Amino acid sequence: MKEALTVVRDALDWLREHYSEFRFYVERDIVWTLQRRLVEAMALHLPRMRVFNDYPMLEGKKGHILADLALVDANNCARAVVEVKYEPSHSRPDILKQKLPVVGWGGVATVRLAQRVVR
């Protein structure tokens, strides 16, 4: 049986391999695609776990800090979490220029730091 983190890495590798087959418009499109892939993989490798969207991780002054996706075991413990940051190409004609930039480097740095803590 695979570990939760391995299932997530496999799903990310799959997304990397098939990325050009999709046309993503917003971050949620990628989250949905990954969630679908994770549900399929978990049915095979982690049948007692569930995947949740917008999973509350920490309570803070501004409410809950939510993970885009979380793989949760039977004890309601998050075993792996995914936070997605996405910005479409600035050269795409189907994206309004005033919608960009979507992601700031501060958000990316925060995710990288959290990734190190989880490992």
N, C-alpha and C. Protein backbone atom coordinates (compact mmCIF):
# COMPACT_ATOMS: atom_id res chain seq x y z
N MET A 1 0.84 -1.18 0.00
CA MET A 1 0.00 0.00 0.00
C MET A 1 0.89 1.25 0.00
N LYS A 2 0.56 2.23 -0.81
CA LYS A 2 1.35 3.45 -0.91
C LYS A 2 1.06 4.39 0.25
N GLU A 3 2.03 5.24 0.52
CA GLU A 3 1.87 6.31 1.51
C GLU A 3 1.11 7.47 0.87
N ALA A 4 0.47 8.28 1.68
CA ALA A 4 -0.30 9.42 1.18
C ALA A 4 0.57 10.37 0.36
N LEU A 5 1.77 10.66 0.86
CA LEU A 5 2.64 11.59 0.14
C LEU A 5 3.05 11.03 -1.22
N THR A 6 3.24 9.74 -1.31
CA THR A 6 3.59 9.11 -2.59
C THR A 6 2.43 9.24 -3.58
N VAL A 7 1.21 9.06 -3.10
CA VAL A 7 0.03 9.21 -3.97
C VAL A 7 -0.05 10.65 -4.49
N VAL A 8 0.22 11.62 -3.63
CA VAL A 8 0.21 13.03 -4.05
C VAL A 8 1.30 13.28 -5.08
N ARG A 9 2.50 12.80 -4.82
CA ARG A 9 3.60 13.00 -5.78
C ARG A 9 3.28 12.36 -7.12
N ASP A 10 2.69 11.15 -7.09
CA ASP A 10 2.31 10.50 -8.33
C ASP A 10 1.27 11.33 -9.10
N ALA A 11 0.32 11.90 -8.38
CA ALA A 11 -0.71 12.74 -9.03
C ALA A 11 -0.07 14.00 -9.63
N LEU A 12 0.88 14.58 -8.93
CA LEU A 12 1.56 15.76 -9.47
C LEU A 12 2.41 15.40 -10.68
N ASP A 13 3.07 14.25 -10.65
CA ASP A 13 3.84 13.79 -11.81
C ASP A 13 2.91 13.58 -13.00
N TRP A 14 1.73 12.98 -12.75
CA TRP A 14 0.74 12.78 -13.81
C TRP A 14 0.30 14.12 -14.40
N LEU A 15 0.04 15.10 -13.52
CA LEU A 15 -0.38 16.42 -13.99
C LEU A 15 0.72 17.06 -14.84
N ARG A 16 1.96 16.95 -14.40
CA ARG A 16 3.09 17.49 -15.15
C ARG A 16 3.14 16.85 -16.55
N GLU A 17 2.95 15.55 -16.61
CA GLU A 17 3.01 14.81 -17.86
C GLU A 17 1.87 15.17 -18.81
N HIS A 18 0.68 15.42 -18.27
CA HIS A 18 -0.52 15.66 -19.08
C HIS A 18 -0.95 17.12 -19.12
N TYR A 19 -0.14 18.01 -18.58
CA TYR A 19 -0.52 19.42 -18.46
C TYR A 19 -0.98 20.03 -19.79
N SER A 20 -0.29 19.72 -20.86
CA SER A 20 -0.62 20.33 -22.16
C SER A 20 -1.96 19.85 -22.72
N GLU A 21 -2.55 18.83 -22.13
CA GLU A 21 -3.84 18.32 -22.59
C GLU A 21 -5.01 19.14 -22.02
N PHE A 22 -4.72 20.01 -21.08
CA PHE A 22 -5.75 20.79 -20.41
C PHE A 22 -5.62 22.27 -20.75
N ARG A 23 -6.69 23.01 -20.56
CA ARG A 23 -6.64 24.47 -20.63
C ARG A 23 -7.23 24.96 -19.32
N PHE A 24 -6.35 25.36 -18.43
CA PHE A 24 -6.77 25.84 -17.12
C PHE A 24 -6.99 27.35 -17.18
N TYR A 25 -8.03 27.81 -16.50
CA TYR A 25 -8.32 29.24 -16.45
C TYR A 25 -8.03 29.82 -15.07
N VAL A 26 -8.36 29.06 -14.05
CA VAL A 26 -8.16 29.53 -12.67
C VAL A 26 -7.58 28.38 -11.84
N GLU A 27 -7.07 28.75 -10.70
CA GLU A 27 -6.47 27.78 -9.78
C GLU A 27 -7.41 26.61 -9.49
N ARG A 28 -8.68 26.91 -9.32
CA ARG A 28 -9.66 25.88 -8.98
C ARG A 28 -9.73 24.77 -10.02
N ASP A 29 -9.47 25.11 -11.31
CA ASP A 29 -9.45 24.09 -12.36
C ASP A 29 -8.38 23.04 -12.08
N ILE A 30 -7.23 23.48 -11.63
CA ILE A 30 -6.14 22.55 -11.32
C ILE A 30 -6.47 21.75 -10.07
N VAL A 31 -7.02 22.42 -9.06
CA VAL A 31 -7.40 21.72 -7.83
C VAL A 31 -8.41 20.62 -8.15
N TRP A 32 -9.41 20.91 -8.95
CA TRP A 32 -10.43 19.92 -9.32
C TRP A 32 -9.80 18.75 -10.06
N THR A 33 -8.90 19.04 -11.00
CA THR A 33 -8.24 18.00 -11.78
C THR A 33 -7.41 17.09 -10.86
N LEU A 34 -6.66 17.70 -9.95
CA LEU A 34 -5.87 16.91 -9.01
C LEU A 34 -6.76 16.10 -8.07
N GLN A 35 -7.83 16.71 -7.59
CA GLN A 35 -8.72 16.00 -6.68
C GLN A 35 -9.31 14.77 -7.35
N ARG A 36 -9.73 14.92 -8.58
CA ARG A 36 -10.26 13.78 -9.33
C ARG A 36 -9.23 12.67 -9.46
N ARG A 37 -8.00 13.05 -9.78
CA ARG A 37 -6.92 12.07 -9.92
C ARG A 37 -6.63 11.39 -8.58
N LEU A 38 -6.61 12.17 -7.51
CA LEU A 38 -6.34 11.62 -6.18
C LEU A 38 -7.44 10.65 -5.74
N VAL A 39 -8.68 10.98 -6.01
CA VAL A 39 -9.79 10.09 -5.64
C VAL A 39 -9.61 8.74 -6.33
N GLU A 40 -9.26 8.76 -7.60
CA GLU A 40 -9.04 7.50 -8.33
C GLU A 40 -7.88 6.71 -7.74
N ALA A 41 -6.76 7.39 -7.47
CA ALA A 41 -5.58 6.72 -6.93
C ALA A 41 -5.83 6.19 -5.52
N MET A 42 -6.56 6.95 -4.73
CA MET A 42 -6.82 6.53 -3.36
C MET A 42 -7.73 5.31 -3.32
N ALA A 43 -8.64 5.17 -4.26
CA ALA A 43 -9.50 4.00 -4.31
C ALA A 43 -8.66 2.73 -4.47
N LEU A 44 -7.54 2.84 -5.18
CA LEU A 44 -6.65 1.70 -5.38
C LEU A 44 -5.64 1.51 -4.25
N HIS A 45 -5.07 2.61 -3.76
CA HIS A 45 -3.92 2.51 -2.86
C HIS A 45 -4.21 2.89 -1.41
N LEU A 46 -5.20 3.71 -1.18
CA LEU A 46 -5.52 4.18 0.17
C LEU A 46 -7.03 4.17 0.39
N PRO A 47 -7.66 3.01 0.31
CA PRO A 47 -9.13 2.97 0.33
C PRO A 47 -9.76 3.47 1.63
N ARG A 48 -9.01 3.52 2.71
CA ARG A 48 -9.59 3.99 3.98
C ARG A 48 -9.40 5.49 4.19
N MET A 49 -8.75 6.14 3.23
CA MET A 49 -8.53 7.58 3.34
C MET A 49 -9.49 8.31 2.41
N ARG A 50 -9.67 9.62 2.72
CA ARG A 50 -10.53 10.48 1.90
C ARG A 50 -9.74 11.72 1.49
N VAL A 51 -10.18 12.33 0.42
CA VAL A 51 -9.57 13.59 0.00
C VAL A 51 -10.61 14.68 0.13
N PHE A 52 -10.21 15.80 0.74
CA PHE A 52 -11.12 16.93 0.95
C PHE A 52 -10.57 18.18 0.29
N ASN A 53 -11.48 19.01 -0.17
CA ASN A 53 -11.15 20.32 -0.72
C ASN A 53 -11.36 21.37 0.37
N ASP A 54 -10.51 22.40 0.39
CA ASP A 54 -10.60 23.49 1.36
C ASP A 54 -10.64 22.94 2.79
N TYR A 55 -9.67 22.13 3.10
CA TYR A 55 -9.60 21.46 4.40
C TYR A 55 -8.99 22.39 5.46
N PRO A 56 -9.68 22.62 6.58
CA PRO A 56 -9.15 23.54 7.60
C PRO A 56 -7.90 22.95 8.28
N MET A 57 -6.82 23.73 8.26
CA MET A 57 -5.55 23.27 8.83
C MET A 57 -5.26 23.95 10.16
N LEU A 58 -5.38 25.26 10.20
CA LEU A 58 -5.07 26.03 11.39
C LEU A 58 -6.13 27.10 11.59
N GLU A 59 -6.46 27.36 12.82
CA GLU A 59 -7.37 28.47 13.10
C GLU A 59 -6.53 29.71 13.34
N GLY A 60 -6.95 30.82 12.78
CA GLY A 60 -6.22 32.06 12.93
C GLY A 60 -7.15 33.22 13.18
N LYS A 61 -6.58 34.40 13.29
CA LYS A 61 -7.37 35.61 13.55
C LYS A 61 -8.38 35.89 12.44
N LYS A 62 -8.02 35.51 11.21
CA LYS A 62 -8.90 35.77 10.07
C LYS A 62 -9.74 34.54 9.73
N GLY A 63 -9.89 33.63 10.65
CA GLY A 63 -10.64 32.42 10.38
C GLY A 63 -9.69 31.26 10.19
N HIS A 64 -10.14 30.27 9.46
CA HIS A 64 -9.33 29.08 9.24
C HIS A 64 -8.35 29.27 8.09
N ILE A 65 -7.21 28.63 8.23
CA ILE A 65 -6.28 28.52 7.11
C ILE A 65 -6.64 27.19 6.44
N LEU A 66 -6.96 27.25 5.17
CA LEU A 66 -7.44 26.08 4.45
C LEU A 66 -6.40 25.56 3.47
N ALA A 67 -6.27 24.24 3.39
CA ALA A 67 -5.45 23.61 2.36
C ALA A 67 -6.35 23.34 1.16
N ASP A 68 -5.84 23.56 -0.04
CA ASP A 68 -6.64 23.30 -1.23
C ASP A 68 -7.13 21.85 -1.25
N LEU A 69 -6.23 20.92 -0.94
CA LEU A 69 -6.58 19.51 -0.87
C LEU A 69 -5.89 18.87 0.32
N ALA A 70 -6.55 17.93 0.96
CA ALA A 70 -5.94 17.19 2.07
C ALA A 70 -6.37 15.73 1.98
N LEU A 71 -5.38 14.84 2.14
CA LEU A 71 -5.66 13.41 2.24
C LEU A 71 -5.76 13.10 3.72
N VAL A 72 -6.91 12.62 4.14
CA VAL A 72 -7.23 12.47 5.56
C VAL A 72 -7.48 10.99 5.87
N ASP A 73 -6.86 10.53 6.96
CA ASP A 73 -7.01 9.12 7.33
C ASP A 73 -8.30 8.89 8.14
N ALA A 74 -8.51 7.67 8.57
CA ALA A 74 -9.73 7.29 9.30
C ALA A 74 -9.85 8.00 10.64
N ASN A 75 -8.73 8.51 11.18
CA ASN A 75 -8.73 9.24 12.45
C ASN A 75 -8.87 10.75 12.25
N ASN A 76 -9.24 11.17 11.04
CA ASN A 76 -9.36 12.59 10.68
C ASN A 76 -8.05 13.35 10.81
N CYS A 77 -6.96 12.68 10.53
CA CYS A 77 -5.64 13.30 10.55
C CYS A 77 -5.17 13.49 9.11
N ALA A 78 -4.80 14.72 8.76
CA ALA A 78 -4.31 15.01 7.41
C ALA A 78 -2.92 14.39 7.25
N ARG A 79 -2.79 13.49 6.29
CA ARG A 79 -1.53 12.80 6.03
C ARG A 79 -0.72 13.45 4.92
N ALA A 80 -1.39 14.21 4.06
CA ALA A 80 -0.71 14.97 3.01
C ALA A 80 -1.65 16.10 2.62
N VAL A 81 -1.07 17.26 2.35
CA VAL A 81 -1.87 18.40 1.90
C VAL A 81 -1.25 19.00 0.65
N VAL A 82 -2.11 19.64 -0.14
CA VAL A 82 -1.67 20.28 -1.37
C VAL A 82 -2.21 21.70 -1.38
N GLU A 83 -1.34 22.64 -1.65
CA GLU A 83 -1.73 24.04 -1.84
C GLU A 83 -1.31 24.41 -3.25
N VAL A 84 -2.26 24.85 -4.06
CA VAL A 84 -2.00 25.15 -5.47
C VAL A 84 -1.90 26.66 -5.66
N LYS A 85 -0.89 27.07 -6.40
CA LYS A 85 -0.76 28.45 -6.85
C LYS A 85 -0.65 28.40 -8.36
N TYR A 86 -1.49 29.17 -9.04
CA TYR A 86 -1.53 29.11 -10.51
C TYR A 86 -1.73 30.49 -11.09
N GLU A 87 -0.94 30.76 -12.11
CA GLU A 87 -1.13 31.99 -12.87
C GLU A 87 -1.00 31.64 -14.34
N PRO A 88 -2.05 31.90 -15.12
CA PRO A 88 -1.96 31.59 -16.54
C PRO A 88 -0.92 32.47 -17.23
N SER A 89 -0.47 32.01 -18.38
CA SER A 89 0.49 32.77 -19.16
C SER A 89 -0.06 34.16 -19.48
N HIS A 90 0.77 35.17 -19.32
CA HIS A 90 0.35 36.54 -19.61
C HIS A 90 0.12 36.76 -21.10
N SER A 91 0.57 35.85 -21.93
CA SER A 91 0.38 36.00 -23.37
C SER A 91 -0.90 35.33 -23.88
N ARG A 92 -1.67 34.69 -23.01
CA ARG A 92 -2.91 34.05 -23.46
C ARG A 92 -3.95 35.10 -23.82
N PRO A 93 -4.53 35.01 -25.02
CA PRO A 93 -5.53 35.99 -25.43
C PRO A 93 -6.89 35.81 -24.75
N ASP A 94 -7.11 34.66 -24.10
CA ASP A 94 -8.39 34.39 -23.47
C ASP A 94 -8.40 34.74 -21.98
N ILE A 95 -7.38 35.44 -21.51
CA ILE A 95 -7.30 35.88 -20.12
C ILE A 95 -7.22 37.40 -20.11
N LEU A 96 -8.13 38.05 -19.40
CA LEU A 96 -8.10 39.52 -19.32
C LEU A 96 -6.83 39.98 -18.62
N LYS A 97 -6.16 40.95 -19.19
CA LYS A 97 -4.88 41.43 -18.65
C LYS A 97 -5.03 42.03 -17.26
N GLN A 98 -6.19 42.61 -16.94
CA GLN A 98 -6.38 43.19 -15.61
C GLN A 98 -6.52 42.12 -14.52
N LYS A 99 -6.66 40.85 -14.91
CA LYS A 99 -6.73 39.75 -13.95
C LYS A 99 -5.33 39.31 -13.49
N LEU A 100 -4.29 39.83 -14.14
CA LEU A 100 -2.92 39.42 -13.84
C LEU A 100 -2.17 40.56 -13.15
N PRO A 101 -1.23 40.30 -12.31
CA PRO A 101 -0.81 38.98 -11.85
C PRO A 101 -1.77 38.42 -10.81
N VAL A 102 -1.84 37.10 -10.75
CA VAL A 102 -2.71 36.39 -9.82
C VAL A 102 -1.94 36.02 -8.56
N VAL A 103 -0.74 35.52 -8.74
CA VAL A 103 0.07 35.01 -7.64
C VAL A 103 1.24 35.95 -7.40
N GLY A 104 1.42 36.35 -6.14
CA GLY A 104 2.59 37.14 -5.78
C GLY A 104 3.68 36.23 -5.23
N TRP A 105 4.92 36.66 -5.29
CA TRP A 105 6.03 35.83 -4.81
C TRP A 105 5.92 35.55 -3.32
N GLY A 106 5.27 36.42 -2.56
CA GLY A 106 5.09 36.16 -1.13
C GLY A 106 4.28 34.91 -0.88
N GLY A 107 3.24 34.70 -1.68
CA GLY A 107 2.42 33.49 -1.55
C GLY A 107 3.18 32.24 -1.92
N VAL A 108 4.00 32.34 -2.96
CA VAL A 108 4.80 31.19 -3.38
C VAL A 108 5.82 30.84 -2.30
N ALA A 109 6.47 31.85 -1.73
CA ALA A 109 7.46 31.61 -0.68
C ALA A 109 6.81 30.97 0.55
N THR A 110 5.60 31.38 0.89
CA THR A 110 4.89 30.81 2.03
C THR A 110 4.61 29.34 1.80
N VAL A 111 4.19 28.99 0.61
CA VAL A 111 3.90 27.59 0.28
C VAL A 111 5.18 26.77 0.36
N ARG A 112 6.27 27.27 -0.18
CA ARG A 112 7.54 26.54 -0.13
C ARG A 112 7.97 26.30 1.31
N LEU A 113 7.80 27.29 2.17
CA LEU A 113 8.15 27.15 3.57
C LEU A 113 7.28 26.07 4.22
N ALA A 114 5.99 26.10 3.97
CA ALA A 114 5.08 25.10 4.53
C ALA A 114 5.44 23.71 4.04
N GLN A 115 5.85 23.62 2.78
CA GLN A 115 6.23 22.32 2.22
C GLN A 115 7.42 21.75 2.99
N ARG A 116 8.37 22.58 3.34
CA ARG A 116 9.54 22.11 4.10
C ARG A 116 9.13 21.64 5.50
N VAL A 117 8.19 22.33 6.11
CA VAL A 117 7.74 21.96 7.45
C VAL A 117 7.05 20.61 7.43
N VAL A 118 6.23 20.34 6.41
CA VAL A 118 5.50 19.08 6.31
C VAL A 118 6.43 17.91 6.11
N ARG A 119 7.48 18.10 5.34
CA ARG A 119 8.41 17.00 5.06
C ARG A 119 9.07 16.61 6.33
